[in-house]
Amino acid sequence: MLSISPAVRIFVHALPTDMRKSFDGLYAIVQHAFAKDVFQGDYFVFLNRSRDRCKILFWDRDGLVVWAKRLERGSFQLPGGADAASLTVEVDSTTLAMILGGVDLHTGQRRKRYQAVAAADVCETISGKSSARRSE
């Protein structure tokens, strides 16, 4: 997870982004769609059309950083507040943490996400045995 200072400005791109883009492609979007300078230390968040992938571009003292996350299940929630003319939404660090952590921004409830299966459960499923049978 990212550790973000509350003083950092965070901008979410309201349009879907091609996740094949990396440093240069995302930097070009920041310059044109956001009309911002990435070297100021702001964070720029990009989601794909299905919102199961997220990339964050930011400057880290001596170079650009691209942080990426792919969900196995569920989707990221796009924050509200973008008007028709705006391509970006500014959010605070708490809202970004909620988006990345799978918390619904309206209700505060957890959104559907992938749940890892315990290794013991996988072994039982494969072998067809239950823990009750082993204790007999």
C-alpha atoms as a PDB file:
ATOM      1  CA  MET A   1       0.000   0.000   0.000  1.00  0.00           C
ATOM      2  CA  LEU A   2       1.086   3.563  -0.561  1.00  0.00           C
ATOM      3  CA  SER A   3       1.923   5.919   2.258  1.00  0.00           C
ATOM      4  CA  ILE A   4       0.711   9.348   1.164  1.00  0.00           C
ATOM      5  CA  SER A   5       1.037  12.609   3.046  1.00  0.00           C
ATOM      6  CA  PRO A   6      -2.240  14.515   3.513  1.00  0.00           C
ATOM      7  CA  ALA A   7      -0.482  17.538   1.962  1.00  0.00           C
ATOM      8  CA  VAL A   8      -0.126  15.801  -1.434  1.00  0.00           C
ATOM      9  CA  ARG A   9      -2.663  16.730  -4.092  1.00  0.00           C
ATOM     10  CA  ILE A  10      -4.234  13.708  -5.829  1.00  0.00           C
ATOM     11  CA  PHE A  11      -5.976  13.887  -9.189  1.00  0.00           C
ATOM     12  CA  VAL A  12      -8.060  11.054 -10.680  1.00  0.00           C
ATOM     13  CA  HIS A  13      -8.479  10.919 -14.451  1.00  0.00           C
ATOM     14  CA  ALA A  14     -12.237  10.639 -15.071  1.00  0.00           C
ATOM     15  CA  LEU A  15     -11.880   8.915 -18.452  1.00  0.00           C
ATOM     16  CA  PRO A  16     -10.741   5.297 -18.924  1.00  0.00           C
ATOM     17  CA  THR A  17      -7.022   4.968 -19.620  1.00  0.00           C
ATOM     18  CA  ASP A  18      -5.226   2.376 -21.732  1.00  0.00           C
ATOM     19  CA  MET A  19      -3.231   0.438 -19.127  1.00  0.00           C
ATOM     20  CA  ARG A  20      -0.538  -0.387 -21.665  1.00  0.00           C
ATOM     21  CA  LYS A  21       0.690   3.173 -21.123  1.00  0.00           C
ATOM     22  CA  SER A  22       3.648   3.550 -18.825  1.00  0.00           C
ATOM     23  CA  PHE A  23       5.836   6.487 -17.798  1.00  0.00           C
ATOM     24  CA  ASP A  24       5.826   8.502 -21.016  1.00  0.00           C
ATOM     25  CA  GLY A  25       2.219   7.806 -22.005  1.00  0.00           C
ATOM     26  CA  LEU A  26       0.851   8.662 -18.565  1.00  0.00           C
ATOM     27  CA  TYR A  27       3.099  11.732 -18.396  1.00  0.00           C
ATOM     28  CA  ALA A  28       1.586  12.937 -21.699  1.00  0.00           C
ATOM     29  CA  ILE A  29      -1.926  12.559 -20.248  1.00  0.00           C
ATOM     30  CA  VAL A  30      -0.885  14.586 -17.193  1.00  0.00           C
ATOM     31  CA  GLN A  31       0.382  17.365 -19.426  1.00  0.00           C
ATOM     32  CA  HIS A  32      -2.613  17.476 -21.770  1.00  0.00           C
ATOM     33  CA  ALA A  33      -5.708  16.290 -19.854  1.00  0.00           C
ATOM     34  CA  PHE A  34      -4.699  17.460 -16.381  1.00  0.00           C
ATOM     35  CA  ALA A  35      -2.747  20.528 -17.548  1.00  0.00           C
ATOM     36  CA  LYS A  36      -0.434  19.916 -14.571  1.00  0.00           C
ATOM     37  CA  ASP A  37       3.271  19.481 -14.016  1.00  0.00           C
ATOM     38  CA  VAL A  38       4.101  16.031 -12.623  1.00  0.00           C
ATOM     39  CA  PHE A  39       7.331  17.426 -11.108  1.00  0.00           C
ATOM     40  CA  GLN A  40       5.322  19.348  -8.470  1.00  0.00           C
ATOM     41  CA  GLY A  41       4.860  16.143  -6.447  1.00  0.00           C
ATOM     42  CA  ASP A  42       1.157  15.579  -7.147  1.00  0.00           C
ATOM     43  CA  TYR A  43      -0.256  12.061  -7.615  1.00  0.00           C
ATOM     44  CA  PHE A  44      -2.147  11.207 -10.816  1.00  0.00           C
ATOM     45  CA  VAL A  45      -4.502   8.224 -10.732  1.00  0.00           C
ATOM     46  CA  PHE A  46      -5.617   6.337 -13.845  1.00  0.00           C
ATOM     47  CA  LEU A  47      -8.242   3.555 -14.141  1.00  0.00           C
ATOM     48  CA  ASN A  48      -9.056   1.352 -17.114  1.00  0.00           C
ATOM     49  CA  ARG A  49     -12.521   0.973 -18.658  1.00  0.00           C
ATOM     50  CA  SER A  50     -13.530  -2.001 -16.481  1.00  0.00           C
ATOM     51  CA  ARG A  51     -11.898  -0.293 -13.453  1.00  0.00           C
ATOM     52  CA  ASP A  52     -10.088  -3.459 -12.375  1.00  0.00           C
ATOM     53  CA  ARG A  53      -6.665  -1.909 -12.997  1.00  0.00           C
ATOM     54  CA  CYS A  54      -5.177   1.226 -11.517  1.00  0.00           C
ATOM     55  CA  LYS A  55      -1.942   3.109 -12.111  1.00  0.00           C
ATOM     56  CA  ILE A  56      -0.635   6.058 -10.142  1.00  0.00           C
ATOM     57  CA  LEU A  57       2.055   8.320 -11.565  1.00  0.00           C
ATOM     58  CA  PHE A  58       4.111  10.609  -9.330  1.00  0.00           C
ATOM     59  CA  TRP A  59       7.546  12.214  -9.035  1.00  0.00           C
ATOM     60  CA  ASP A  60       9.821  10.858  -6.304  1.00  0.00           C
ATOM     61  CA  ARG A  61      12.723  13.319  -5.865  1.00  0.00           C
ATOM     62  CA  ASP A  62      14.857  11.820  -8.622  1.00  0.00           C
ATOM     63  CA  GLY A  63      12.508  10.053 -11.026  1.00  0.00           C
ATOM     64  CA  LEU A  64       8.989   9.167 -12.055  1.00  0.00           C
ATOM     65  CA  VAL A  65       7.233   6.309 -10.281  1.00  0.00           C
ATOM     66  CA  VAL A  66       4.374   4.223 -11.670  1.00  0.00           C
ATOM     67  CA  TRP A  67       2.500   2.261  -9.008  1.00  0.00           C
ATOM     68  CA  ALA A  68       0.105  -0.355 -10.382  1.00  0.00           C
ATOM     69  CA  LYS A  69      -2.586  -2.646  -8.993  1.00  0.00           C
ATOM     70  CA  ARG A  70      -4.716  -5.277 -10.742  1.00  0.00           C
ATOM     71  CA  LEU A  71      -7.791  -6.689  -9.035  1.00  0.00           C
ATOM     72  CA  GLU A  72      -8.584 -10.367  -9.421  1.00  0.00           C
ATOM     73  CA  ARG A  73     -12.224  -9.691  -8.585  1.00  0.00           C
ATOM     74  CA  GLY A  74     -14.310  -6.537  -8.189  1.00  0.00           C
ATOM     75  CA  SER A  75     -13.577  -3.009  -9.381  1.00  0.00           C
ATOM     76  CA  PHE A  76     -12.259   0.319  -8.187  1.00  0.00           C
ATOM     77  CA  GLN A  77     -14.870   2.979  -7.563  1.00  0.00           C
ATOM     78  CA  LEU A  78     -14.520   6.183  -9.525  1.00  0.00           C
ATOM     79  CA  PRO A  79     -15.112   9.140  -7.199  1.00  0.00           C
ATOM     80  CA  GLY A  80     -18.004  11.450  -8.015  1.00  0.00           C
ATOM     81  CA  GLY A  81     -17.654  15.166  -8.526  1.00  0.00           C
ATOM     82  CA  ALA A  82     -16.518  15.380 -12.125  1.00  0.00           C
ATOM     83  CA  ASP A  83     -18.605  17.733 -14.206  1.00  0.00           C
ATOM     84  CA  ALA A  84     -19.075  17.307 -17.949  1.00  0.00           C
ATOM     85  CA  ALA A  85     -16.248  19.722 -18.836  1.00  0.00           C
ATOM     86  CA  SER A  86     -13.721  18.335 -16.370  1.00  0.00           C
ATOM     87  CA  LEU A  87     -11.513  15.336 -17.102  1.00  0.00           C
ATOM     88  CA  THR A  88     -10.183  15.127 -13.558  1.00  0.00           C
ATOM     89  CA  VAL A  89     -11.417  14.823  -9.999  1.00  0.00           C
ATOM     90  CA  GLU A  90      -9.288  15.942  -7.064  1.00  0.00           C
ATOM     91  CA  VAL A  91      -9.470  13.664  -4.015  1.00  0.00           C
ATOM     92  CA  ASP A  92      -7.689  13.552  -0.665  1.00  0.00           C
ATOM     93  CA  SER A  93      -5.368  10.800   0.570  1.00  0.00           C
ATOM     94  CA  THR A  94      -8.114   9.202   2.669  1.00  0.00           C
ATOM     95  CA  THR A  95     -10.419   8.879  -0.342  1.00  0.00           C
ATOM     96  CA  LEU A  96      -7.614   7.342  -2.408  1.00  0.00           C
ATOM     97  CA  ALA A  97      -6.905   4.840   0.376  1.00  0.00           C
ATOM     98  CA  MET A  98     -10.613   3.925   0.430  1.00  0.00           C
ATOM     99  CA  ILE A  99     -10.680   3.466  -3.365  1.00  0.00           C
ATOM    100  CA  LEU A 100      -7.582   1.245  -3.338  1.00  0.00           C
ATOM    101  CA  GLY A 101      -8.770  -0.654  -0.243  1.00  0.00           C
ATOM    102  CA  GLY A 102     -12.177  -1.515  -1.692  1.00  0.00           C
ATOM    103  CA  VAL A 103     -14.375   0.669   0.513  1.00  0.00           C
ATOM    104  CA  ASP A 104     -17.543   2.084  -1.063  1.00  0.00           C
ATOM    105  CA  LEU A 105     -17.253   5.879  -1.013  1.00  0.00           C
ATOM    106  CA  HIS A 106     -20.996   6.367  -0.447  1.00  0.00           C
ATOM    107  CA  THR A 107     -21.815   3.729   2.180  1.00  0.00           C
ATOM    108  CA  GLY A 108     -18.472   2.955   3.809  1.00  0.00           C
ATOM    109  CA  GLN A 109     -19.088  -0.775   3.251  1.00  0.00           C
ATOM    110  CA  ARG A 110     -16.517  -3.138   1.746  1.00  0.00           C
ATOM    111  CA  ARG A 111     -16.943  -3.792  -1.972  1.00  0.00           C
ATOM    112  CA  LYS A 112     -16.625  -7.274  -3.498  1.00  0.00           C
ATOM    113  CA  ARG A 113     -12.992  -8.277  -3.750  1.00  0.00           C
ATOM    114  CA  TYR A 114     -10.968 -11.438  -4.173  1.00  0.00           C
ATOM    115  CA  GLN A 115     -10.554 -13.484  -1.002  1.00  0.00           C
ATOM    116  CA  ALA A 116      -7.505 -15.739  -0.837  1.00  0.00           C
ATOM    117  CA  VAL A 117      -8.295 -19.357  -0.037  1.00  0.00           C
ATOM    118  CA  ALA A 118      -6.318 -20.866   2.834  1.00  0.00           C
ATOM    119  CA  ALA A 119      -3.753 -23.477   1.752  1.00  0.00           C
ATOM    120  CA  ALA A 120      -5.385 -26.154   3.950  1.00  0.00           C
ATOM    121  CA  ASP A 121      -8.743 -25.586   2.220  1.00  0.00           C
ATOM    122  CA  VAL A 122      -7.120 -25.961  -1.203  1.00  0.00           C
ATOM    123  CA  CYS A 123      -5.485 -29.254  -0.191  1.00  0.00           C
ATOM    124  CA  GLU A 124      -8.783 -30.568   1.171  1.00  0.00           C
ATOM    125  CA  THR A 125     -10.630 -29.585  -1.979  1.00  0.00           C
ATOM    126  CA  ILE A 126      -8.053 -31.286  -4.188  1.00  0.00           C
ATOM    127  CA  SER A 127      -7.903 -34.482  -2.129  1.00  0.00           C
ATOM    128  CA  GLY A 128     -11.665 -34.551  -1.525  1.00  0.00           C
ATOM    129  CA  LYS A 129     -11.192 -35.019   2.205  1.00  0.00           C
ATOM    130  CA  SER A 130     -12.590 -32.799   4.910  1.00  0.00           C
ATOM    131  CA  SER A 131     -11.008 -31.907   8.221  1.00  0.00           C
ATOM    132  CA  ALA A 132     -13.825 -33.823   9.954  1.00  0.00           C
ATOM    133  CA  ARG A 133     -12.727 -37.076   8.296  1.00  0.00           C
ATOM    134  CA  ARG A 134      -9.129 -36.594   9.351  1.00  0.00           C
ATOM    135  CA  SER A 135     -10.069 -36.256  13.009  1.00  0.00           C
ATOM    136  CA  GLU A 136     -11.903 -39.612  13.056  1.00  0.00           C
END
